[in-house]
Amino acid sequence: MMKYTDLQILYEDNHLIAAIKPAGILAQADDSDNPDMLTLLKQYIKEKYDKPGDVWLGLVHRLDQPVSGVMVFARTSKAAARLSAQIREHTVGKHYLAIVSGQAIPEKGRLEDILAKDGKTGNVSVVKAAGKTSGNSKNAVLDFQKLRTAEYRGRELALLEIDLGSGRAHQIRVQLASRGWPIIGDVRYGQLDDWSRQLPLPRSRDENGKEHADIALFCSSMEIDHPISKTRLKFDAEPTSDFPWNKLK
């Protein structure tokens, strides 16, 4: 079970805190007993600064449970409002690294789609190419660049650098999988075959106690305007040296 002392803090002041969310850790508590970043960071602040009573901390964005990387949290309601506004206005820079398998992946490109979420399963799917939305569908845009490739057990792995033009639920996972480039370890949207099952992936437990492989998607950088000083801040991090990241260093 992860403890607040295990957290990797990238930056902190009186207004915000940036930290790395490990794969398998929730962004915010749910009905399970699984650890979550919001609670862990509250414990960290309470102990470090000897805070009496409850600690206030604002969640302004999320990462899926199997995804790892940089997250920013607000330490005041004013900071939360201003950071949330930046996210709504798409002035936050978010950059990801993903390792995918697939063929004929271009050196770089832009993916534009309309995504829709199934209200019963929570799964997201591409409903059509980018254009006019309707109902609960939303436009999704990302740009990618292929950094490196490597062969593993007869298949090509590609390391992609991804810049989000929008921040939709499961967006990167769905858009890449729809092109036949599933993210390694992503059984929800990717392929589940013998090759995938035999990959030596790190594993985490979900809210039902079921073990799942972590997926090779990492938020490597976030850029924000400081909610008070307006200074542009950039928080960078690198993924672990576990498989498959160690194959494409």
C-alpha atoms as a PDB file:
ATOM      1  CA  MET A   1       0.000   0.000   0.000  1.00  0.00           C
ATOM      2  CA  MET A   2       1.438   3.349  -1.036  1.00  0.00           C
ATOM      3  CA  LYS A   3       2.118   5.965   1.660  1.00  0.00           C
ATOM      4  CA  TYR A   4       2.436   9.747   1.430  1.00  0.00           C
ATOM      5  CA  THR A   5       6.158   9.389   2.172  1.00  0.00           C
ATOM      6  CA  ASP A   6       6.507   7.565  -1.169  1.00  0.00           C
ATOM      7  CA  LEU A   7       5.326  10.579  -3.174  1.00  0.00           C
ATOM      8  CA  GLN A   8       7.708  12.323  -5.553  1.00  0.00           C
ATOM      9  CA  ILE A   9       7.076  16.059  -5.187  1.00  0.00           C
ATOM     10  CA  LEU A  10       8.164  18.246  -8.114  1.00  0.00           C
ATOM     11  CA  TYR A  11       7.166  21.680  -6.807  1.00  0.00           C
ATOM     12  CA  GLU A  12       5.247  23.252  -3.951  1.00  0.00           C
ATOM     13  CA  ASP A  13       4.397  26.679  -2.603  1.00  0.00           C
ATOM     14  CA  ASN A  14       1.478  28.210  -0.714  1.00  0.00           C
ATOM     15  CA  HIS A  15      -0.779  28.080  -3.774  1.00  0.00           C
ATOM     16  CA  LEU A  16      -0.129  24.800  -5.584  1.00  0.00           C
ATOM     17  CA  ILE A  17       1.721  21.514  -5.484  1.00  0.00           C
ATOM     18  CA  ALA A  18       2.963  19.327  -8.352  1.00  0.00           C
ATOM     19  CA  ALA A  19       3.746  15.639  -7.939  1.00  0.00           C
ATOM     20  CA  ILE A  20       4.117  12.432  -9.924  1.00  0.00           C
ATOM     21  CA  LYS A  21       1.143  10.070  -9.854  1.00  0.00           C
ATOM     22  CA  PRO A  22       2.277   6.441 -10.048  1.00  0.00           C
ATOM     23  CA  ALA A  23       0.356   4.032 -12.258  1.00  0.00           C
ATOM     24  CA  GLY A  24      -2.409   2.233 -10.379  1.00  0.00           C
ATOM     25  CA  ILE A  25      -3.057   5.116  -7.972  1.00  0.00           C
ATOM     26  CA  LEU A  26      -6.376   6.968  -8.241  1.00  0.00           C
ATOM     27  CA  ALA A  27      -6.408  10.726  -8.778  1.00  0.00           C
ATOM     28  CA  GLN A  28      -9.277  11.068  -6.291  1.00  0.00           C
ATOM     29  CA  ALA A  29     -10.872   8.645  -3.826  1.00  0.00           C
ATOM     30  CA  ASP A  30     -13.743   6.428  -4.954  1.00  0.00           C
ATOM     31  CA  ASP A  31     -15.778   3.748  -3.183  1.00  0.00           C
ATOM     32  CA  SER A  32     -12.773   1.430  -2.921  1.00  0.00           C
ATOM     33  CA  ASP A  33      -9.999   1.403  -0.350  1.00  0.00           C
ATOM     34  CA  ASN A  34      -7.349   2.067  -2.994  1.00  0.00           C
ATOM     35  CA  PRO A  35      -4.907   4.925  -2.312  1.00  0.00           C
ATOM     36  CA  ASP A  36      -5.453   8.180  -4.186  1.00  0.00           C
ATOM     37  CA  MET A  37      -3.302  11.226  -4.877  1.00  0.00           C
ATOM     38  CA  LEU A  38      -5.619  13.772  -3.280  1.00  0.00           C
ATOM     39  CA  THR A  39      -5.675  11.974   0.074  1.00  0.00           C
ATOM     40  CA  LEU A  40      -1.950  11.169   0.021  1.00  0.00           C
ATOM     41  CA  LEU A  41      -1.020  14.778  -0.700  1.00  0.00           C
ATOM     42  CA  LYS A  42      -3.297  16.036   2.065  1.00  0.00           C
ATOM     43  CA  GLN A  43      -1.471  13.704   4.457  1.00  0.00           C
ATOM     44  CA  TYR A  44       1.877  14.943   3.136  1.00  0.00           C
ATOM     45  CA  ILE A  45       0.953  18.610   3.684  1.00  0.00           C
ATOM     46  CA  LYS A  46      -0.554  17.944   7.103  1.00  0.00           C
ATOM     47  CA  GLU A  47       2.574  16.169   8.345  1.00  0.00           C
ATOM     48  CA  LYS A  48       5.170  18.431   6.719  1.00  0.00           C
ATOM     49  CA  TYR A  49       3.610  21.687   7.884  1.00  0.00           C
ATOM     50  CA  ASP A  50       2.048  20.347  11.105  1.00  0.00           C
ATOM     51  CA  LYS A  51      -1.398  21.512   9.984  1.00  0.00           C
ATOM     52  CA  PRO A  52      -4.230  21.207  12.527  1.00  0.00           C
ATOM     53  CA  GLY A  53      -7.584  19.887  11.349  1.00  0.00           C
ATOM     54  CA  ASP A  54      -8.427  19.024   7.759  1.00  0.00           C
ATOM     55  CA  VAL A  55      -6.191  20.111   4.885  1.00  0.00           C
ATOM     56  CA  TRP A  56      -7.878  21.688   1.851  1.00  0.00           C
ATOM     57  CA  LEU A  57      -6.591  20.614  -1.561  1.00  0.00           C
ATOM     58  CA  GLY A  58      -8.256  21.116  -4.923  1.00  0.00           C
ATOM     59  CA  LEU A  59      -8.305  18.610  -7.790  1.00  0.00           C
ATOM     60  CA  VAL A  60      -8.169  20.575 -11.063  1.00  0.00           C
ATOM     61  CA  HIS A  61      -7.461  17.764 -13.550  1.00  0.00           C
ATOM     62  CA  ARG A  62      -7.180  13.978 -13.628  1.00  0.00           C
ATOM     63  CA  LEU A  63      -5.107  11.098 -14.917  1.00  0.00           C
ATOM     64  CA  ASP A  64      -6.685   7.677 -15.483  1.00  0.00           C
ATOM     65  CA  GLN A  65      -5.835   5.148 -12.775  1.00  0.00           C
ATOM     66  CA  PRO A  66      -3.444   3.065 -14.954  1.00  0.00           C
ATOM     67  CA  VAL A  67      -1.689   6.211 -16.264  1.00  0.00           C
ATOM     68  CA  SER A  68       1.287   7.799 -14.518  1.00  0.00           C
ATOM     69  CA  GLY A  69       2.936  11.200 -14.621  1.00  0.00           C
ATOM     70  CA  VAL A  70       2.758  14.847 -13.614  1.00  0.00           C
ATOM     71  CA  MET A  71      -0.273  16.179 -11.751  1.00  0.00           C
ATOM     72  CA  VAL A  72      -0.897  19.662 -10.342  1.00  0.00           C
ATOM     73  CA  PHE A  73      -3.160  20.372  -7.353  1.00  0.00           C
ATOM     74  CA  ALA A  74      -4.390  23.674  -5.920  1.00  0.00           C
ATOM     75  CA  ARG A  75      -3.756  24.561  -2.277  1.00  0.00           C
ATOM     76  CA  THR A  76      -6.319  27.393  -2.147  1.00  0.00           C
ATOM     77  CA  SER A  77      -9.780  27.914  -3.615  1.00  0.00           C
ATOM     78  CA  LYS A  78      -8.524  30.947  -5.554  1.00  0.00           C
ATOM     79  CA  ALA A  79      -5.723  28.897  -7.106  1.00  0.00           C
ATOM     80  CA  ALA A  80      -8.199  26.113  -7.922  1.00  0.00           C
ATOM     81  CA  ALA A  81     -10.527  28.516  -9.736  1.00  0.00           C
ATOM     82  CA  ARG A  82      -7.705  30.056 -11.764  1.00  0.00           C
ATOM     83  CA  LEU A  83      -6.055  26.759 -12.667  1.00  0.00           C
ATOM     84  CA  SER A  84      -9.422  25.283 -13.656  1.00  0.00           C
ATOM     85  CA  ALA A  85     -10.017  28.298 -15.898  1.00  0.00           C
ATOM     86  CA  GLN A  86      -6.676  27.704 -17.624  1.00  0.00           C
ATOM     87  CA  ILE A  87      -7.638  24.098 -18.294  1.00  0.00           C
ATOM     88  CA  ARG A  88     -11.044  25.107 -19.694  1.00  0.00           C
ATOM     89  CA  GLU A  89      -9.414  27.717 -21.920  1.00  0.00           C
ATOM     90  CA  HIS A  90      -6.762  25.231 -23.133  1.00  0.00           C
ATOM     91  CA  THR A  91      -3.817  27.389 -22.027  1.00  0.00           C
ATOM     92  CA  VAL A  92      -2.253  24.538 -20.042  1.00  0.00           C
ATOM     93  CA  GLY A  93       0.478  22.653 -21.873  1.00  0.00           C
ATOM     94  CA  LYS A  94       0.257  18.881 -21.384  1.00  0.00           C
ATOM     95  CA  HIS A  95       2.766  16.548 -22.977  1.00  0.00           C
ATOM     96  CA  TYR A  96       2.735  12.772 -22.835  1.00  0.00           C
ATOM     97  CA  LEU A  97       4.931   9.841 -23.740  1.00  0.00           C
ATOM     98  CA  ALA A  98       3.300   6.636 -24.960  1.00  0.00           C
ATOM     99  CA  ILE A  99       4.668   3.323 -26.157  1.00  0.00           C
ATOM    100  CA  VAL A 100       2.498   1.636 -28.755  1.00  0.00           C
ATOM    101  CA  SER A 101       2.650  -1.412 -30.985  1.00  0.00           C
ATOM    102  CA  GLY A 102       1.595  -1.286 -34.591  1.00  0.00           C
ATOM    103  CA  GLN A 103       2.676  -0.981 -38.184  1.00  0.00           C
ATOM    104  CA  ALA A 104       3.139   1.945 -40.560  1.00  0.00           C
ATOM    105  CA  ILE A 105       3.122   4.561 -37.808  1.00  0.00           C
ATOM    106  CA  PRO A 106       4.002   7.935 -39.388  1.00  0.00           C
ATOM    107  CA  GLU A 107       6.955   9.975 -38.124  1.00  0.00           C
ATOM    108  CA  LYS A 108       4.503  12.635 -36.990  1.00  0.00           C
ATOM    109  CA  GLY A 109       0.887  13.605 -37.435  1.00  0.00           C
ATOM    110  CA  ARG A 110      -2.348  15.005 -36.061  1.00  0.00           C
ATOM    111  CA  LEU A 111      -5.360  12.933 -35.013  1.00  0.00           C
ATOM    112  CA  GLU A 112      -8.767  14.623 -35.085  1.00  0.00           C
ATOM    113  CA  ASP A 113     -11.867  12.703 -34.070  1.00  0.00           C
ATOM    114  CA  ILE A 114     -15.236  12.972 -32.413  1.00  0.00           C
ATOM    115  CA  LEU A 115     -15.435  10.870 -29.260  1.00  0.00           C
ATOM    116  CA  ALA A 116     -18.502   9.656 -27.387  1.00  0.00           C
ATOM    117  CA  LYS A 117     -18.750   8.008 -23.968  1.00  0.00           C
ATOM    118  CA  ASP A 118     -21.025   5.055 -23.243  1.00  0.00           C
ATOM    119  CA  GLY A 119     -23.067   5.979 -20.182  1.00  0.00           C
ATOM    120  CA  LYS A 120     -23.346   2.360 -19.014  1.00  0.00           C
ATOM    121  CA  THR A 121     -19.804   1.033 -19.472  1.00  0.00           C
ATOM    122  CA  GLY A 122     -17.850   4.288 -19.263  1.00  0.00           C
ATOM    123  CA  ASN A 123     -15.953   3.309 -22.401  1.00  0.00           C
ATOM    124  CA  VAL A 124     -15.104   5.982 -24.947  1.00  0.00           C
ATOM    125  CA  SER A 125     -15.087   5.408 -28.704  1.00  0.00           C
ATOM    126  CA  VAL A 126     -14.397   7.258 -31.930  1.00  0.00           C
ATOM    127  CA  VAL A 127     -17.765   7.863 -33.572  1.00  0.00           C
ATOM    128  CA  LYS A 128     -16.528   9.704 -36.662  1.00  0.00           C
ATOM    129  CA  ALA A 129     -13.807  11.935 -38.012  1.00  0.00           C
ATOM    130  CA  ALA A 130     -13.610  15.460 -36.622  1.00  0.00           C
ATOM    131  CA  GLY A 131     -16.508  17.707 -37.497  1.00  0.00           C
ATOM    132  CA  LYS A 132     -19.818  18.734 -35.990  1.00  0.00           C
ATOM    133  CA  THR A 133     -20.591  17.199 -32.603  1.00  0.00           C
ATOM    134  CA  SER A 134     -23.981  16.149 -31.270  1.00  0.00           C
ATOM    135  CA  GLY A 135     -25.374  14.845 -27.993  1.00  0.00           C
ATOM    136  CA  ASN A 136     -22.584  13.799 -25.646  1.00  0.00           C
ATOM    137  CA  SER A 137     -19.915  13.652 -28.365  1.00  0.00           C
ATOM    138  CA  LYS A 138     -16.854  15.917 -28.252  1.00  0.00           C
ATOM    139  CA  ASN A 139     -14.057  16.906 -30.590  1.00  0.00           C
ATOM    140  CA  ALA A 140     -10.643  15.466 -29.731  1.00  0.00           C
ATOM    141  CA  VAL A 141      -7.322  16.605 -31.187  1.00  0.00           C
ATOM    142  CA  LEU A 142      -3.769  15.465 -30.540  1.00  0.00           C
ATOM    143  CA  ASP A 143      -0.415  15.860 -32.263  1.00  0.00           C
ATOM    144  CA  PHE A 144       2.230  13.150 -32.106  1.00  0.00           C
ATOM    145  CA  GLN A 145       5.828  12.596 -33.088  1.00  0.00           C
ATOM    146  CA  LYS A 146       7.600   9.246 -33.250  1.00  0.00           C
ATOM    147  CA  LEU A 147      10.817   9.461 -31.244  1.00  0.00           C
ATOM    148  CA  ARG A 148      12.231   5.930 -31.350  1.00  0.00           C
ATOM    149  CA  THR A 149      11.369   2.359 -32.295  1.00  0.00           C
ATOM    150  CA  ALA A 150      12.495  -1.055 -31.094  1.00  0.00           C
ATOM    151  CA  GLU A 151      11.559  -4.644 -31.829  1.00  0.00           C
ATOM    152  CA  TYR A 152      10.295  -6.885 -29.057  1.00  0.00           C
ATOM    153  CA  ARG A 153       9.332 -10.518 -29.601  1.00  0.00           C
ATOM    154  CA  GLY A 154       8.599 -10.002 -33.267  1.00  0.00           C
ATOM    155  CA  ARG A 155       6.626  -6.757 -33.026  1.00  0.00           C
ATOM    156  CA  GLU A 156       7.639  -3.153 -33.383  1.00  0.00           C
ATOM    157  CA  LEU A 157       7.315  -0.831 -30.414  1.00  0.00           C
ATOM    158  CA  ALA A 158       7.237   2.924 -30.986  1.00  0.00           C
ATOM    159  CA  LEU A 159       7.795   5.708 -28.467  1.00  0.00           C
ATOM    160  CA  LEU A 160       5.479   8.625 -29.238  1.00  0.00           C
ATOM    161  CA  GLU A 161       5.589  12.160 -27.882  1.00  0.00           C
ATOM    162  CA  ILE A 162       2.059  13.542 -27.688  1.00  0.00           C
ATOM    163  CA  ASP A 163       0.731  17.075 -27.301  1.00  0.00           C
ATOM    164  CA  LEU A 164      -2.943  17.373 -26.440  1.00  0.00           C
ATOM    165  CA  GLY A 165      -5.081  19.918 -28.235  1.00  0.00           C
ATOM    166  CA  SER A 166      -8.037  18.889 -26.062  1.00  0.00           C
ATOM    167  CA  GLY A 167      -8.421  17.016 -22.801  1.00  0.00           C
ATOM    168  CA  ARG A 168     -11.091  14.344 -23.219  1.00  0.00           C
ATOM    169  CA  ALA A 169     -11.565  11.267 -21.058  1.00  0.00           C
ATOM    170  CA  HIS A 170      -9.405   8.372 -22.292  1.00  0.00           C
ATOM    171  CA  GLN A 171      -8.603  10.476 -25.366  1.00  0.00           C
ATOM    172  CA  ILE A 172      -5.044   9.353 -26.103  1.00  0.00           C
ATOM    173  CA  ARG A 173      -5.829   5.707 -25.444  1.00  0.00           C
ATOM    174  CA  VAL A 174      -8.889   5.706 -27.712  1.00  0.00           C
ATOM    175  CA  GLN A 175      -7.467   7.741 -30.585  1.00  0.00           C
ATOM    176  CA  LEU A 176      -4.273   5.686 -30.844  1.00  0.00           C
ATOM    177  CA  ALA A 177      -6.096   2.354 -30.548  1.00  0.00           C
ATOM    178  CA  SER A 178      -8.558   3.384 -33.276  1.00  0.00           C
ATOM    179  CA  ARG A 179      -5.606   3.659 -35.697  1.00  0.00           C
ATOM    180  CA  GLY A 180      -4.323   0.209 -34.821  1.00  0.00           C
ATOM    181  CA  TRP A 181      -1.615   1.567 -32.493  1.00  0.00           C
ATOM    182  CA  PRO A 182      -2.729   0.380 -29.041  1.00  0.00           C
ATOM    183  CA  ILE A 183      -0.794   1.530 -26.002  1.00  0.00           C
ATOM    184  CA  ILE A 184       1.212  -1.279 -24.448  1.00  0.00           C
ATOM    185  CA  GLY A 185      -0.648  -2.738 -21.475  1.00  0.00           C
ATOM    186  CA  ASP A 186      -4.000  -1.130 -22.281  1.00  0.00           C
ATOM    187  CA  VAL A 187      -6.415  -4.054 -22.284  1.00  0.00           C
ATOM    188  CA  ARG A 188      -9.428  -1.744 -22.120  1.00  0.00           C
ATOM    189  CA  TYR A 189      -8.862  -0.196 -25.536  1.00  0.00           C
ATOM    190  CA  GLY A 190      -5.967  -2.196 -26.939  1.00  0.00           C
ATOM    191  CA  GLN A 191      -5.501  -5.742 -28.069  1.00  0.00           C
ATOM    192  CA  LEU A 192      -5.602  -8.735 -25.756  1.00  0.00           C
ATOM    193  CA  ASP A 193      -3.763 -11.621 -27.394  1.00  0.00           C
ATOM    194  CA  ASP A 194      -1.065 -14.110 -26.408  1.00  0.00           C
ATOM    195  CA  TRP A 195       1.712 -11.636 -27.248  1.00  0.00           C
ATOM    196  CA  SER A 196       0.155  -8.980 -25.017  1.00  0.00           C
ATOM    197  CA  ARG A 197      -0.531 -11.384 -22.143  1.00  0.00           C
ATOM    198  CA  GLN A 198       3.114 -12.456 -22.020  1.00  0.00           C
ATOM    199  CA  LEU A 199       4.571  -8.961 -21.708  1.00  0.00           C
ATOM    200  CA  PRO A 200       6.558  -8.450 -18.453  1.00  0.00           C
ATOM    201  CA  LEU A 201       4.587  -5.373 -17.407  1.00  0.00           C
ATOM    202  CA  PRO A 202       4.442  -3.853 -13.895  1.00  0.00           C
ATOM    203  CA  ARG A 203       1.074  -4.602 -12.305  1.00  0.00           C
ATOM    204  CA  SER A 204      -1.389  -2.772 -10.049  1.00  0.00           C
ATOM    205  CA  ARG A 205      -4.727  -3.677  -8.464  1.00  0.00           C
ATOM    206  CA  ASP A 206      -7.996  -1.979  -9.391  1.00  0.00           C
ATOM    207  CA  GLU A 207     -10.870  -0.966  -7.119  1.00  0.00           C
ATOM    208  CA  ASN A 208     -12.125  -4.579  -7.058  1.00  0.00           C
ATOM    209  CA  GLY A 209      -8.752  -5.975  -6.059  1.00  0.00           C
ATOM    210  CA  LYS A 210      -8.203  -7.404  -9.532  1.00  0.00           C
ATOM    211  CA  GLU A 211      -4.662  -7.185 -10.846  1.00  0.00           C
ATOM    212  CA  HIS A 212      -4.010  -5.342 -14.110  1.00  0.00           C
ATOM    213  CA  ALA A 213      -0.911  -4.398 -16.045  1.00  0.00           C
ATOM    214  CA  ASP A 214       0.097  -0.741 -15.917  1.00  0.00           C
ATOM    215  CA  ILE A 215      -0.142   0.971 -19.288  1.00  0.00           C
ATOM    216  CA  ALA A 216       2.719   2.710 -21.075  1.00  0.00           C
ATOM    217  CA  LEU A 217       1.260   6.216 -20.981  1.00  0.00           C
ATOM    218  CA  PHE A 218       3.033   8.915 -18.974  1.00  0.00           C
ATOM    219  CA  CYS A 219       2.327  12.631 -18.546  1.00  0.00           C
ATOM    220  CA  SER A 220       5.899  13.883 -18.912  1.00  0.00           C
ATOM    221  CA  SER A 221       5.331  17.630 -18.690  1.00  0.00           C
ATOM    222  CA  MET A 222       2.794  20.254 -17.644  1.00  0.00           C
ATOM    223  CA  GLU A 223       3.005  23.996 -18.246  1.00  0.00           C
ATOM    224  CA  ILE A 224       0.781  26.413 -16.352  1.00  0.00           C
ATOM    225  CA  ASP A 225       0.610  30.076 -15.449  1.00  0.00           C
ATOM    226  CA  HIS A 226       1.105  30.444 -11.710  1.00  0.00           C
ATOM    227  CA  PRO A 227      -2.362  31.316 -10.346  1.00  0.00           C
ATOM    228  CA  ILE A 228      -1.037  34.319  -8.381  1.00  0.00           C
ATOM    229  CA  SER A 229       2.252  35.550  -9.894  1.00  0.00           C
ATOM    230  CA  LYS A 230       1.258  34.617 -13.502  1.00  0.00           C
ATOM    231  CA  THR A 231       4.791  33.284 -14.065  1.00  0.00           C
ATOM    232  CA  ARG A 232       4.866  30.427 -16.562  1.00  0.00           C
ATOM    233  CA  LEU A 233       5.850  27.215 -14.771  1.00  0.00           C
ATOM    234  CA  LYS A 234       6.890  23.920 -16.324  1.00  0.00           C
ATOM    235  CA  PHE A 235       7.050  20.628 -14.447  1.00  0.00           C
ATOM    236  CA  ASP A 236       8.976  17.797 -16.105  1.00  0.00           C
ATOM    237  CA  ALA A 237       9.344  14.138 -15.194  1.00  0.00           C
ATOM    238  CA  GLU A 238      10.579  10.899 -16.712  1.00  0.00           C
ATOM    239  CA  PRO A 239       8.884   7.485 -16.686  1.00  0.00           C
ATOM    240  CA  THR A 240      10.253   4.589 -14.686  1.00  0.00           C
ATOM    241  CA  SER A 241      12.966   2.278 -15.975  1.00  0.00           C
ATOM    242  CA  ASP A 242      10.523  -0.664 -15.957  1.00  0.00           C
ATOM    243  CA  PHE A 243       9.403  -2.477 -19.106  1.00  0.00           C
ATOM    244  CA  PRO A 244       8.594  -1.267 -21.722  1.00  0.00           C
ATOM    245  CA  TRP A 245      10.211   2.127 -21.046  1.00  0.00           C
ATOM    246  CA  ASN A 246      13.618   0.502 -20.673  1.00  0.00           C
ATOM    247  CA  LYS A 247      13.412  -0.760 -24.261  1.00  0.00           C
ATOM    248  CA  LEU A 248      13.143   2.748 -25.724  1.00  0.00           C
ATOM    249  CA  LYS A 249      15.415   4.919 -23.556  1.00  0.00           C
END
